[in-house]
Amino acid sequence: MLIPTSLVPLDEVLTLPKADLTYEYLDGKAIPKPSPNFRHSRSQKKLLFLLEAWGAAQGFVQSEWGVRLQPLP
């Protein structure tokens, strides 16, 4: 298990097994990212609708989605 307070090389983060637990790589630290709960999801949806209405002429608004980094071949 990675300790969020210590620096972790990106190569080590890339070798983490695919599991339900995901990590954010921030300032050289792998920080476990909890799954959003119902209240978070509802708030995110409401905020997304408000931002879409406001920003339709400004640009593109999208909710977050997962990305898995892979080392180059």
Protein backbone atom coordinates (compact mmCIF):
# COMPACT_ATOMS: atom_id res chain seq x y z
CA MET A 1 0.00 0.00 0.00
CA LEU A 2 1.30 3.44 -0.88
CA ILE A 3 1.66 6.04 1.83
CA PRO A 4 0.22 9.36 0.62
CA THR A 5 2.73 11.44 2.59
CA SER A 6 5.76 10.04 0.75
CA LEU A 7 6.86 10.75 -2.80
CA VAL A 8 6.18 7.90 -5.20
CA PRO A 9 7.75 7.61 -8.64
CA LEU A 10 5.23 7.68 -11.48
CA ASP A 11 6.59 4.31 -12.69
CA GLU A 12 5.43 2.75 -9.41
CA VAL A 13 1.99 4.35 -9.68
CA LEU A 14 1.64 2.92 -13.18
CA THR A 15 2.22 -0.62 -11.85
CA LEU A 16 -0.62 -0.46 -9.32
CA PRO A 17 -3.16 -3.23 -9.91
CA LYS A 18 -6.48 -2.31 -11.46
CA ALA A 19 -8.94 -2.38 -8.59
CA ASP A 20 -11.92 -0.56 -7.14
CA LEU A 21 -9.55 1.85 -5.41
CA THR A 22 -8.15 4.55 -7.67
CA TYR A 23 -5.38 7.04 -7.02
CA GLU A 24 -4.70 10.63 -7.91
CA TYR A 25 -1.08 11.49 -8.65
CA LEU A 26 -0.55 14.92 -7.15
CA ASP A 27 2.79 16.60 -6.54
CA GLY A 28 4.61 13.26 -6.62
CA LYS A 29 2.21 11.60 -4.17
CA ALA A 30 -0.25 8.79 -4.88
CA ILE A 31 -3.39 9.70 -2.97
CA PRO A 32 -6.29 7.21 -2.73
CA LYS A 33 -9.41 8.69 -4.29
CA PRO A 34 -12.65 7.65 -2.59
CA SER A 35 -15.69 6.79 -4.66
CA PRO A 36 -18.25 9.58 -4.75
CA ASN A 37 -21.36 9.06 -2.66
CA PHE A 38 -24.97 9.86 -3.56
CA ARG A 39 -24.86 13.42 -2.20
CA HIS A 40 -21.67 14.18 -4.16
CA SER A 41 -23.17 12.78 -7.37
CA ARG A 42 -26.35 14.84 -7.02
CA SER A 43 -24.36 18.01 -6.29
CA GLN A 44 -22.08 17.34 -9.25
CA LYS A 45 -25.08 16.86 -11.56
CA LYS A 46 -26.74 20.10 -10.42
CA LEU A 47 -23.50 22.04 -10.80
CA LEU A 48 -22.94 20.56 -14.26
CA PHE A 49 -26.38 21.72 -15.41
CA LEU A 50 -25.76 25.23 -14.06
CA LEU A 51 -22.34 25.43 -15.72
CA GLU A 52 -23.71 24.14 -19.03
CA ALA A 53 -26.42 26.80 -19.02
CA TRP A 54 -23.93 29.53 -18.17
CA GLY A 55 -21.12 28.35 -20.40
CA ALA A 56 -22.94 27.24 -23.54
CA ALA A 57 -21.39 30.09 -25.51
CA GLN A 58 -18.13 30.00 -23.51
CA GLY A 59 -16.94 26.48 -24.22
CA PHE A 60 -17.39 22.86 -23.22
CA VAL A 61 -18.50 21.56 -19.80
CA GLN A 62 -18.13 17.90 -18.82
CA SER A 63 -18.18 15.91 -15.60
CA GLU A 64 -15.01 14.13 -14.56
CA TRP A 65 -14.10 10.74 -15.93
CA GLY A 66 -11.40 8.25 -15.08
CA VAL A 67 -8.12 8.14 -16.92
CA ARG A 68 -5.55 5.37 -16.61
CA LEU A 69 -1.97 6.33 -17.46
CA GLN A 70 0.18 3.76 -19.19
CA PRO A 71 3.91 3.77 -19.85
CA LEU A 72 4.98 4.38 -23.42
CA PRO A 73 5.96 1.21 -25.32
